[in-house]
C-alpha atoms as a PDB file:
ATOM      1  CA  MET A   1      -0.106  -0.090   0.108  1.00  0.00           C
ATOM      2  CA  PHE A   2       1.155   3.492  -0.448  1.00  0.00           C
ATOM      3  CA  SER A   3       3.481   4.755   2.502  1.00  0.00           C
ATOM      4  CA  THR A   4       2.203   8.224   4.552  1.00  0.00           C
ATOM      5  CA  ILE A   5       5.001   9.831   2.942  1.00  0.00           C
ATOM      6  CA  LEU A   6       3.750   8.552  -0.314  1.00  0.00           C
ATOM      7  CA  LEU A   7       0.059   9.977   0.538  1.00  0.00           C
ATOM      8  CA  ILE A   8       1.390  13.348   1.495  1.00  0.00           C
ATOM      9  CA  CYS A   9       2.946  13.798  -1.483  1.00  0.00           C
ATOM     10  CA  SER A  10      -0.026  12.917  -3.760  1.00  0.00           C
ATOM     11  CA  LEU A  11      -2.029  15.835  -3.066  1.00  0.00           C
ATOM     12  CA  ALA A  12       0.707  18.451  -4.573  1.00  0.00           C
ATOM     13  CA  PHE A  13       1.684  15.099  -7.373  1.00  0.00           C
ATOM     14  CA  ALA A  14      -0.864  14.129  -9.217  1.00  0.00           C
ATOM     15  CA  GLU A  15       1.323  11.254 -10.445  1.00  0.00           C
ATOM     16  CA  SER A  16       1.217   9.471  -7.926  1.00  0.00           C
ATOM     17  CA  LYS A  17       1.063   6.124  -8.625  1.00  0.00           C
ATOM     18  CA  GLU A  18       3.500   6.884 -11.927  1.00  0.00           C
ATOM     19  CA  LEU A  19       6.000   8.105  -9.669  1.00  0.00           C
ATOM     20  CA  ALA A  20       5.709   4.935  -7.811  1.00  0.00           C
ATOM     21  CA  VAL A  21       6.387   2.067 -10.542  1.00  0.00           C
ATOM     22  CA  GLN A  22       9.118   4.173 -11.685  1.00  0.00           C
ATOM     23  CA  ILE A  23      10.852   4.107  -7.685  1.00  0.00           C
ATOM     24  CA  CYS A  24       9.719   0.086  -8.055  1.00  0.00           C
ATOM     25  CA  LEU A  25      11.404  -0.113 -11.339  1.00  0.00           C
ATOM     26  CA  ASP A  26      14.616   1.583 -10.458  1.00  0.00           C
ATOM     27  CA  ARG A  27      14.822  -0.559  -7.460  1.00  0.00           C
ATOM     28  CA  ALA A  28      14.686  -3.715  -9.444  1.00  0.00           C
ATOM     29  CA  GLY A  29      17.546  -2.214 -11.236  1.00  0.00           C
ATOM     30  CA  PHE A  30      15.498  -1.448 -15.066  1.00  0.00           C
ATOM     31  CA  SER A  31      15.658   2.149 -15.022  1.00  0.00           C
ATOM     32  CA  CYS A  32      13.549   4.787 -16.755  1.00  0.00           C
ATOM     33  CA  ASN A  33      16.571   7.263 -15.667  1.00  0.00           C
ATOM     34  CA  THR A  34      15.260  10.431 -13.775  1.00  0.00           C
ATOM     35  CA  ILE A  35      11.702   9.438 -12.161  1.00  0.00           C
ATOM     36  CA  ASP A  36       9.703  12.219 -12.102  1.00  0.00           C
ATOM     37  CA  GLY A  37       5.662  10.550 -12.093  1.00  0.00           C
ATOM     38  CA  HIS A  38       5.706  11.180 -16.573  1.00  0.00           C
ATOM     39  CA  TRP A  39       5.086   8.126 -18.370  1.00  0.00           C
ATOM     40  CA  GLY A  40       6.865   7.748 -21.544  1.00  0.00           C
ATOM     41  CA  ARG A  41       9.226   5.907 -23.732  1.00  0.00           C
ATOM     42  CA  LYS A  42      12.135   5.027 -21.264  1.00  0.00           C
ATOM     43  CA  SER A  43       9.533   3.871 -18.418  1.00  0.00           C
ATOM     44  CA  GLN A  44       7.728   1.600 -20.725  1.00  0.00           C
ATOM     45  CA  ARG A  45      10.659   0.017 -21.841  1.00  0.00           C
ATOM     46  CA  ALA A  46      11.853  -0.710 -17.793  1.00  0.00           C
ATOM     47  CA  LEU A  47       8.245  -2.066 -17.225  1.00  0.00           C
ATOM     48  CA  ALA A  48       8.611  -4.174 -20.249  1.00  0.00           C
ATOM     49  CA  CYS A  49      12.192  -5.658 -19.289  1.00  0.00           C
ATOM     50  CA  TYR A  50      10.876  -6.106 -16.136  1.00  0.00           C
ATOM     51  CA  CYS A  51       7.830  -8.064 -17.380  1.00  0.00           C
ATOM     52  CA  ALA A  52      10.281 -10.013 -19.552  1.00  0.00           C
ATOM     53  CA  LYS A  53      12.936 -11.127 -17.436  1.00  0.00           C
ATOM     54  CA  ARG A  54       9.828 -11.997 -14.729  1.00  0.00           C
ATOM     55  CA  ASN A  55       7.791 -14.085 -18.143  1.00  0.00           C
ATOM     56  CA  ILE A  56       4.510 -12.535 -16.948  1.00  0.00           C
ATOM     57  CA  PRO A  57       2.271 -10.120 -19.580  1.00  0.00           C
ATOM     58  CA  VAL A  58       3.354  -6.245 -19.195  1.00  0.00           C
ATOM     59  CA  PRO A  59      -0.170  -4.403 -18.056  1.00  0.00           C
ATOM     60  CA  ALA A  60      -1.545  -2.343 -20.368  1.00  0.00           C
ATOM     61  CA  THR A  61      -0.992   0.351 -17.961  1.00  0.00           C
ATOM     62  CA  PRO A  62       1.164   2.211 -14.854  1.00  0.00           C
ATOM     63  CA  GLU A  63      -2.034   1.852 -12.951  1.00  0.00           C
ATOM     64  CA  GLU A  64      -2.638  -1.571 -13.111  1.00  0.00           C
ATOM     65  CA  ALA A  65       1.232  -1.817 -13.071  1.00  0.00           C
ATOM     66  CA  TYR A  66       1.290  -0.690  -9.290  1.00  0.00           C
ATOM     67  CA  ASP A  67      -1.943  -2.211  -9.008  1.00  0.00           C
ATOM     68  CA  ARG A  68      -0.920  -5.934 -10.139  1.00  0.00           C
ATOM     69  CA  LEU A  69       2.845  -5.796  -9.036  1.00  0.00           C
ATOM     70  CA  PHE A  70       3.750  -3.164  -6.856  1.00  0.00           C
ATOM     71  CA  ALA A  71       1.125  -2.174  -4.443  1.00  0.00           C
ATOM     72  CA  ASP A  72       2.788  -3.883  -1.452  1.00  0.00           C
ATOM     73  CA  ALA A  73       5.531  -1.650  -1.962  1.00  0.00           C
ATOM     74  CA  GLU A  74       6.723  -0.267   1.314  1.00  0.00           C
ATOM     75  CA  ASP A  75       8.671   2.640   2.456  1.00  0.00           C
ATOM     76  CA  LEU A  76       9.211   4.193  -1.626  1.00  0.00           C
ATOM     77  CA  PHE A  77      10.061   7.235   0.008  1.00  0.00           C
ATOM     78  CA  ARG A  78      12.120   8.724   3.260  1.00  0.00           C
ATOM     79  CA  ILE A  79      12.836  12.077   4.702  1.00  0.00           C
ATOM     80  CA  GLU A  80      16.280  13.428   4.870  1.00  0.00           C
ATOM     81  CA  GLU A  81      17.510  16.500   6.940  1.00  0.00           C
ATOM     82  CA  VAL A  82      19.485  18.801   4.805  1.00  0.00           C
ATOM     83  CA  THR A  83      23.279  19.270   6.687  1.00  0.00           C
ATOM     84  CA  GLN A  84      25.083  21.747   7.445  1.00  0.00           C
ATOM     85  CA  ALA A  85      28.299  18.762   5.872  1.00  0.00           C
ATOM     86  CA  ASP A  86      25.759  19.335   2.694  1.00  0.00           C
ATOM     87  CA  VAL A  87      25.788  23.114   2.491  1.00  0.00           C
ATOM     88  CA  SER A  88      29.283  23.356   3.041  1.00  0.00           C
ATOM     89  CA  SER A  89      30.281  20.869   0.254  1.00  0.00           C
ATOM     90  CA  LEU A  90      28.303  23.069  -2.554  1.00  0.00           C
ATOM     91  CA  THR A  91      30.226  24.084  -5.094  1.00  0.00           C
ATOM     92  CA  LYS A  92      30.658  27.189  -7.570  1.00  0.00           C
ATOM     93  CA  ILE A  93      31.764  25.375 -10.876  1.00  0.00           C
ATOM     94  CA  PRO A  94      33.069  28.064 -13.009  1.00  0.00           C
ATOM     95  CA  THR A  95      33.380  28.195 -16.533  1.00  0.00           C
ATOM     96  CA  ALA A  96      36.762  28.594 -17.520  1.00  0.00           C
ATOM     97  CA  PRO A  97      39.102  25.104 -17.778  1.00  0.00           C
ATOM     98  CA  ALA A  98      41.632  26.260 -15.706  1.00  0.00           C
ATOM     99  CA  ASP A  99      39.537  27.844 -12.989  1.00  0.00           C
ATOM    100  CA  LYS A 100      37.890  24.301 -12.688  1.00  0.00           C
ATOM    101  CA  ALA A 101      41.231  22.821 -12.385  1.00  0.00           C
ATOM    102  CA  LYS A 102      41.916  24.581  -9.947  1.00  0.00           C
ATOM    103  CA  LEU A 103      39.137  23.258  -7.386  1.00  0.00           C
ATOM    104  CA  THR A 104      39.641  20.269  -4.838  1.00  0.00           C
ATOM    105  CA  GLN A 105      35.896  18.997  -5.980  1.00  0.00           C
ATOM    106  CA  MET A 106      33.532  19.155  -9.025  1.00  0.00           C
ATOM    107  CA  GLY A 107      30.974  18.969  -6.427  1.00  0.00           C
ATOM    108  CA  TYR A 108      26.623  19.119  -6.613  1.00  0.00           C
ATOM    109  CA  GLU A 109      25.965  23.556  -6.911  1.00  0.00           C
ATOM    110  CA  THR A 110      22.821  23.555  -5.233  1.00  0.00           C
ATOM    111  CA  ILE A 111      21.023  21.394  -2.320  1.00  0.00           C
ATOM    112  CA  LEU A 112      18.207  21.250  -5.459  1.00  0.00           C
ATOM    113  CA  GLU A 113      20.777  19.606  -7.421  1.00  0.00           C
ATOM    114  CA  MET A 114      22.343  17.403  -4.568  1.00  0.00           C
ATOM    115  CA  PHE A 115      18.357  16.052  -3.214  1.00  0.00           C
ATOM    116  CA  ALA A 116      17.243  14.977  -7.142  1.00  0.00           C
ATOM    117  CA  GLU A 117      20.119  13.039  -7.911  1.00  0.00           C
ATOM    118  CA  ARG A 118      20.085  11.628  -4.304  1.00  0.00           C
ATOM    119  CA  GLY A 119      16.711  10.535  -5.082  1.00  0.00           C
ATOM    120  CA  HIS A 120      17.083   9.287  -8.984  1.00  0.00           C
ATOM    121  CA  THR A 121      14.509  11.987  -9.824  1.00  0.00           C
ATOM    122  CA  SER A 122      14.227  15.610 -11.524  1.00  0.00           C
ATOM    123  CA  PRO A 123      14.713  18.915 -10.163  1.00  0.00           C
ATOM    124  CA  GLY A 124      10.929  20.146 -11.344  1.00  0.00           C
ATOM    125  CA  ALA A 125       9.825  16.436  -9.620  1.00  0.00           C
ATOM    126  CA  LEU A 126      11.009  16.769  -6.752  1.00  0.00           C
ATOM    127  CA  LYS A 127       9.794  20.281  -5.920  1.00  0.00           C
ATOM    128  CA  ARG A 128       6.301  19.043  -6.721  1.00  0.00           C
ATOM    129  CA  MET A 129       7.450  16.968  -4.122  1.00  0.00           C
ATOM    130  CA  ASN A 130       8.586  19.784  -1.525  1.00  0.00           C
ATOM    131  CA  PRO A 131       6.163  21.946  -2.111  1.00  0.00           C
ATOM    132  CA  GLY A 132       6.493  25.726   0.025  1.00  0.00           C
ATOM    133  CA  VAL A 133      10.397  24.838  -0.018  1.00  0.00           C
ATOM    134  CA  ASP A 134      12.623  27.756  -1.106  1.00  0.00           C
ATOM    135  CA  TRP A 135      15.121  26.180  -3.283  1.00  0.00           C
ATOM    136  CA  THR A 136      17.140  29.804  -3.413  1.00  0.00           C
ATOM    137  CA  HIS A 137      17.610  29.354   0.452  1.00  0.00           C
ATOM    138  CA  VAL A 138      17.605  26.004   1.495  1.00  0.00           C
ATOM    139  CA  ALA A 139      18.287  26.232   5.249  1.00  0.00           C
ATOM    140  CA  VAL A 140      20.172  23.706   7.237  1.00  0.00           C
ATOM    141  CA  GLY A 141      17.607  21.128   9.541  1.00  0.00           C
ATOM    142  CA  THR A 142      15.300  21.783   5.865  1.00  0.00           C
ATOM    143  CA  LYS A 143      13.336  18.518   5.828  1.00  0.00           C
ATOM    144  CA  LEU A 144      12.244  16.939   2.316  1.00  0.00           C
ATOM    145  CA  VAL A 145      11.226  14.365   0.893  1.00  0.00           C
ATOM    146  CA  ILE A 146      12.678  12.488  -1.610  1.00  0.00           C
ATOM    147  CA  PRO A 147      12.731   8.694  -3.026  1.00  0.00           C
ATOM    148  CA  SER A 148      14.552   6.038  -0.877  1.00  0.00           C
ATOM    149  CA  PHE A 149      17.743   4.805  -3.005  1.00  0.00           C
ATOM    150  CA  PRO A 150      21.109   3.462  -1.296  1.00  0.00           C
ATOM    151  CA  SER A 151      23.288   6.290  -1.469  1.00  0.00           C
ATOM    152  CA  ILE A 152      25.956   6.488  -4.713  1.00  0.00           C
ATOM    153  CA  ARG A 153      28.721   6.200  -2.603  1.00  0.00           C
ATOM    154  CA  GLU A 154      27.364   2.884  -1.145  1.00  0.00           C
ATOM    155  CA  GLU A 155      26.741   1.494  -4.838  1.00  0.00           C
ATOM    156  CA  LEU A 156      31.099   2.513  -5.100  1.00  0.00           C
ATOM    157  CA  SER A 157      32.316   0.967  -2.340  1.00  0.00           C
ATOM    158  CA  VAL A 158      31.917  -1.721  -3.638  1.00  0.00           C
ATOM    159  CA  TRP A 159      35.240  -1.918  -4.789  1.00  0.00           C
ATOM    160  CA  PRO A 160      37.749  -0.166  -1.961  1.00  0.00           C
ATOM    161  CA  LYS A 161      39.956   1.910  -3.769  1.00  0.00           C
ATOM    162  CA  GLY A 162      39.303   0.154  -6.863  1.00  0.00           C
ATOM    163  CA  ARG A 163      40.145  -3.525  -5.941  1.00  0.00           C
ATOM    164  CA  PRO A 164      37.350  -6.019  -6.999  1.00  0.00           C
ATOM    165  CA  HIS A 165      35.844  -8.487  -3.551  1.00  0.00           C
ATOM    166  CA  ALA A 166      32.831  -9.655  -3.180  1.00  0.00           C
ATOM    167  CA  PRO A 167      30.058  -7.706  -4.956  1.00  0.00           C
ATOM    168  CA  LYS A 168      26.970  -6.446  -2.993  1.00  0.00           C
ATOM    169  CA  ARG A 169      24.973  -7.070  -6.506  1.00  0.00           C
ATOM    170  CA  PRO A 170      24.783 -10.325  -8.990  1.00  0.00           C
ATOM    171  CA  GLU A 171      27.736  -9.908 -11.388  1.00  0.00           C
ATOM    172  CA  ALA A 172      27.177  -8.996 -14.563  1.00  0.00           C
ATOM    173  CA  ALA A 173      28.610 -11.356 -17.161  1.00  0.00           C
ATOM    174  CA  LEU A 174      27.707  -9.370 -20.652  1.00  0.00           C
ATOM    175  CA  VAL A 175      26.605  -5.650 -20.861  1.00  0.00           C
ATOM    176  CA  ARG A 176      25.040  -4.652 -24.415  1.00  0.00           C
ATOM    177  CA  VAL A 177      24.794  -1.108 -25.781  1.00  0.00           C
ATOM    178  CA  SER A 178      22.343  -0.593 -27.828  1.00  0.00           C
ATOM    179  CA  LEU A 179      23.158   1.888 -30.787  1.00  0.00           C
ATOM    180  CA  GLY A 180      19.212   2.534 -31.729  1.00  0.00           C
ATOM    181  CA  LYS A 181      17.627   2.273 -28.453  1.00  0.00           C
ATOM    182  CA  PHE A 182      20.170   4.475 -26.530  1.00  0.00           C
ATOM    183  CA  GLU A 183      20.084   1.874 -23.513  1.00  0.00           C
ATOM    184  CA  ILE A 184      22.313  -0.101 -21.898  1.00  0.00           C
ATOM    185  CA  ALA A 185      21.570  -3.552 -20.053  1.00  0.00           C
ATOM    186  CA  ALA A 186      23.757  -5.902 -17.806  1.00  0.00           C
ATOM    187  CA  PHE A 187      23.149  -9.593 -18.224  1.00  0.00           C
ATOM    188  CA  ASP A 188      24.434 -12.288 -16.170  1.00  0.00           C
ATOM    189  CA  ALA A 189      26.172 -15.716 -17.253  1.00  0.00           C
ATOM    190  CA  ALA A 190      22.783 -17.409 -17.168  1.00  0.00           C
ATOM    191  CA  GLY A 191      21.902 -14.320 -19.965  1.00  0.00           C
ATOM    192  CA  ARG A 192      19.442 -12.956 -17.340  1.00  0.00           C
ATOM    193  CA  GLN A 193      18.781  -9.532 -17.705  1.00  0.00           C
ATOM    194  CA  LEU A 194      19.630  -7.610 -13.861  1.00  0.00           C
ATOM    195  CA  ALA A 195      20.191  -3.766 -15.513  1.00  0.00           C
ATOM    196  CA  LEU A 196      18.648  -1.714 -18.290  1.00  0.00           C
ATOM    197  CA  PHE A 197      19.556   1.848 -18.404  1.00  0.00           C
ATOM    198  CA  PRO A 198      19.250   4.702 -20.912  1.00  0.00           C
ATOM    199  CA  CYS A 199      22.334   6.149 -22.112  1.00  0.00           C
ATOM    200  CA  SER A 200      24.072   9.045 -24.646  1.00  0.00           C
ATOM    201  CA  ILE A 201      25.913   7.966 -27.490  1.00  0.00           C
ATOM    202  CA  ALA A 202      28.270  10.088 -30.165  1.00  0.00           C
ATOM    203  CA  GLN A 203      26.171  12.894 -31.920  1.00  0.00           C
ATOM    204  CA  ASN A 204      28.634  12.560 -34.032  1.00  0.00           C
ATOM    205  CA  LYS A 205      28.209   9.036 -36.163  1.00  0.00           C
ATOM    206  CA  ALA A 206      32.454   9.213 -37.033  1.00  0.00           C
ATOM    207  CA  LYS A 207      32.510   8.993 -33.467  1.00  0.00           C
ATOM    208  CA  LEU A 208      30.811   5.408 -32.647  1.00  0.00           C
ATOM    209  CA  PRO A 209      32.561   2.967 -32.160  1.00  0.00           C
ATOM    210  CA  PRO A 210      32.367  -0.050 -33.853  1.00  0.00           C
ATOM    211  CA  HIS A 211      29.934  -2.701 -33.643  1.00  0.00           C
ATOM    212  CA  GLY A 212      31.390  -5.677 -32.061  1.00  0.00           C
ATOM    213  CA  GLU A 213      33.064  -6.447 -28.941  1.00  0.00           C
ATOM    214  CA  LEU A 214      35.141  -4.844 -26.449  1.00  0.00           C
ATOM    215  CA  LYS A 215      36.028  -5.967 -22.761  1.00  0.00           C
ATOM    216  CA  ILE A 216      35.920  -2.966 -19.288  1.00  0.00           C
ATOM    217  CA  THR A 217      39.600  -2.423 -18.662  1.00  0.00           C
ATOM    218  CA  GLY A 218      39.552   0.249 -16.350  1.00  0.00           C
ATOM    219  CA  PRO A 219      36.588   0.824 -13.832  1.00  0.00           C
ATOM    220  CA  ILE A 220      37.601   3.971 -11.715  1.00  0.00           C
ATOM    221  CA  ALA A 221      35.213   5.216  -8.819  1.00  0.00           C
ATOM    222  CA  ASN A 222      35.482   9.059  -8.704  1.00  0.00           C
ATOM    223  CA  PRO A 223      37.974   9.840 -11.829  1.00  0.00           C
ATOM    224  CA  ASN A 224      39.281  12.907 -12.588  1.00  0.00           C
ATOM    225  CA  TYR A 225      39.125  14.404 -15.793  1.00  0.00           C
ATOM    226  CA  THR A 226      41.562  15.641 -18.018  1.00  0.00           C
ATOM    227  CA  TYR A 227      40.517  18.572 -20.418  1.00  0.00           C
ATOM    228  CA  THR A 228      41.547  19.123 -23.922  1.00  0.00           C
ATOM    229  CA  PRO A 229      39.735  21.676 -26.140  1.00  0.00           C
ATOM    230  CA  ASP A 230      38.415  20.880 -29.474  1.00  0.00           C
ATOM    231  CA  PHE A 231      39.923  23.264 -31.123  1.00  0.00           C
ATOM    232  CA  VAL A 232      43.767  24.991 -31.028  1.00  0.00           C
ATOM    233  CA  PRO A 233      44.891  27.783 -33.180  1.00  0.00           C
ATOM    234  CA  ARG A 234      47.206  27.709 -35.521  1.00  0.00           C
ATOM    235  CA  GLY A 235      50.856  27.450 -34.097  1.00  0.00           C
ATOM    236  CA  GLN A 236      49.449  26.658 -30.083  1.00  0.00           C
ATOM    237  CA  LYS A 237      49.934  24.351 -28.149  1.00  0.00           C
ATOM    238  CA  ALA A 238      46.642  22.864 -26.930  1.00  0.00           C
ATOM    239  CA  ALA A 239      45.790  23.078 -22.892  1.00  0.00           C
ATOM    240  CA  LYS A 240      45.512  20.362 -20.757  1.00  0.00           C
ATOM    241  CA  HIS A 241      42.990  20.806 -17.610  1.00  0.00           C
ATOM    242  CA  ILE A 242      42.988  18.182 -15.505  1.00  0.00           C
ATOM    243  CA  PHE A 243      39.538  18.766 -13.108  1.00  0.00           C
ATOM    244  CA  PRO A 244      39.448  17.054  -9.663  1.00  0.00           C
ATOM    245  CA  ALA A 245      36.447  14.538  -8.971  1.00  0.00           C
ATOM    246  CA  GLY A 246      32.906  15.016  -8.387  1.00  0.00           C
ATOM    247  CA  PRO A 247      29.199  14.367  -9.387  1.00  0.00           C
ATOM    248  CA  ASN A 248      29.961  17.621 -11.343  1.00  0.00           C
ATOM    249  CA  CYS A 249      32.776  16.420 -12.990  1.00  0.00           C
ATOM    250  CA  PRO A 250      32.359  15.758 -16.961  1.00  0.00           C
ATOM    251  CA  VAL A 251      32.599  11.925 -16.841  1.00  0.00           C
ATOM    252  CA  GLY A 252      30.748  11.704 -13.681  1.00  0.00           C
ATOM    253  CA  VAL A 253      31.227   9.894 -10.454  1.00  0.00           C
ATOM    254  CA  ALA A 254      32.325   6.373 -12.594  1.00  0.00           C
ATOM    255  CA  TRP A 255      34.287   5.187 -15.287  1.00  0.00           C
ATOM    256  CA  LEU A 256      34.138   1.909 -16.998  1.00  0.00           C
ATOM    257  CA  GLY A 257      36.775   1.995 -19.963  1.00  0.00           C
ATOM    258  CA  LEU A 258      37.363   0.118 -22.094  1.00  0.00           C
ATOM    259  CA  ASN A 259      39.766  -1.847 -24.430  1.00  0.00           C
ATOM    260  CA  LEU A 260      39.579   0.582 -27.150  1.00  0.00           C
ATOM    261  CA  PRO A 261      41.387   3.465 -26.231  1.00  0.00           C
ATOM    262  CA  GLY A 262      39.679   7.143 -25.873  1.00  0.00           C
ATOM    263  CA  TYR A 263      36.178   5.214 -25.044  1.00  0.00           C
ATOM    264  CA  GLY A 264      34.577   4.428 -21.877  1.00  0.00           C
ATOM    265  CA  ILE A 265      31.095   4.331 -20.440  1.00  0.00           C
ATOM    266  CA  HIS A 266      30.467   7.195 -17.562  1.00  0.00           C
ATOM    267  CA  GLY A 267      28.227   8.852 -15.477  1.00  0.00           C
ATOM    268  CA  THR A 268      27.449  12.898 -16.163  1.00  0.00           C
ATOM    269  CA  PRO A 269      26.472  15.736 -14.203  1.00  0.00           C
ATOM    270  CA  LYS A 270      23.001  16.236 -16.375  1.00  0.00           C
ATOM    271  CA  PRO A 271      21.311  13.399 -16.311  1.00  0.00           C
ATOM    272  CA  GLU A 272      18.343  15.051 -17.970  1.00  0.00           C
ATOM    273  CA  SER A 273      20.314  14.678 -21.383  1.00  0.00           C
ATOM    274  CA  ILE A 274      20.686  10.923 -21.387  1.00  0.00           C
ATOM    275  CA  GLY A 275      18.610   8.647 -23.664  1.00  0.00           C
ATOM    276  CA  SER A 276      20.059  11.123 -26.856  1.00  0.00           C
ATOM    277  CA  ALA A 277      23.049  11.792 -29.881  1.00  0.00           C
ATOM    278  CA  GLU A 278      24.769  14.059 -27.184  1.00  0.00           C
ATOM    279  CA  SER A 279      28.178  13.087 -26.209  1.00  0.00           C
ATOM    280  CA  HIS A 280      31.615  13.198 -27.672  1.00  0.00           C
ATOM    281  CA  GLY A 281      31.623   9.148 -28.237  1.00  0.00           C
ATOM    282  CA  CYS A 282      32.225   7.664 -24.953  1.00  0.00           C
ATOM    283  CA  PHE A 283      28.619   6.735 -23.340  1.00  0.00           C
ATOM    284  CA  ARG A 284      26.959   8.579 -20.968  1.00  0.00           C
ATOM    285  CA  LEU A 285      24.372   7.690 -17.884  1.00  0.00           C
ATOM    286  CA  ALA A 286      23.258   9.309 -14.811  1.00  0.00           C
ATOM    287  CA  ASN A 287      25.746   9.168 -12.249  1.00  0.00           C
ATOM    288  CA  TRP A 288      23.358   6.639  -9.893  1.00  0.00           C
ATOM    289  CA  ASN A 289      23.236   4.308 -13.307  1.00  0.00           C
ATOM    290  CA  ALA A 290      26.828   4.403 -13.545  1.00  0.00           C
ATOM    291  CA  ALA A 291      27.766   3.829 -10.482  1.00  0.00           C
ATOM    292  CA  ARG A 292      25.254   0.858 -10.275  1.00  0.00           C
ATOM    293  CA  LEU A 293      26.739  -0.643 -13.827  1.00  0.00           C
ATOM    294  CA  TYR A 294      30.261   0.254 -11.731  1.00  0.00           C
ATOM    295  CA  ALA A 295      28.845  -2.787  -9.023  1.00  0.00           C
ATOM    296  CA  LEU A 296      28.319  -4.929 -11.457  1.00  0.00           C
ATOM    297  CA  CYS A 297      31.449  -5.242 -13.815  1.00  0.00           C
ATOM    298  CA  LYS A 298      34.733  -6.057 -13.260  1.00  0.00           C
ATOM    299  CA  PRO A 299      37.982  -6.076 -15.626  1.00  0.00           C
ATOM    300  CA  GLY A 300      37.109  -8.759 -18.438  1.00  0.00           C
ATOM    301  CA  THR A 301      33.687  -7.952 -18.716  1.00  0.00           C
ATOM    302  CA  LYS A 302      32.319  -8.238 -21.828  1.00  0.00           C
ATOM    303  CA  VAL A 303      30.243  -5.263 -23.655  1.00  0.00           C
ATOM    304  CA  LEU A 304      29.097  -5.925 -26.750  1.00  0.00           C
ATOM    305  CA  ILE A 305      28.267  -2.830 -29.551  1.00  0.00           C
ATOM    306  CA  GLU A 306      25.067  -3.376 -31.066  1.00  0.00           C
ATOM    307  CA  PRO A 307      23.352  -1.279 -34.003  1.00  0.00           C
END
């Protein structure tokens, strides 16, 4: 049944059942990307894959999906208090690459951004879940309702200091990247689908990797990023800058390098951009999904690039 918090949210958030189904699917590993209560292609695809794994018919509507599959789900939301540590960690991200390189971390710029990512949700949806909050100045002690998920730090802690050990999640034997569907799916050794993540691919088709088999060679939690400008005037040397780690790092909170130089699967500070052809060549995931894929994989995990 709906939790008390969900009932409170539903007073100001009409898409309550759609929202609940998105949360339940995400918890099961089948992500619609940003949870927002708006049912669309990504949500329908996540539901279809969830049902296919269980060999059950796909419900006709999200309302039916909730009533038939997830009505007993509990603790979909939690109330989290804004702490002094949260406020102190906020970072103003400058525009100039040289100034970005001077930062100690590329942290969240606002409490809205921070808590939206914690809840795998969009800033707009988080605002609707928390009517009356002054988002221009969120004070320490403010209590916010967010969808309840493990923290990104917990997902990344599966491999302390980058050294694999027994994972909390099942281990992926195959990661399939579908260029046409803009999605990444993970499967275990028996061929059972473990997860589905919407992704972004290269806008320039010439930069897409060739179809075929690759493998993960270098999983890195909280990577930094080496910036090189796309254009350098003739006669000048490219100025490289190393941006520090953090959720607003261009490669997000996790990097899974592939055995194709310059290519990898990684997070992004802009989850709302996922699901389109916008990247420079790599495959981008929402930070929370990049962290979960990191937790599923290890060096040597097979990656299949498909049309």
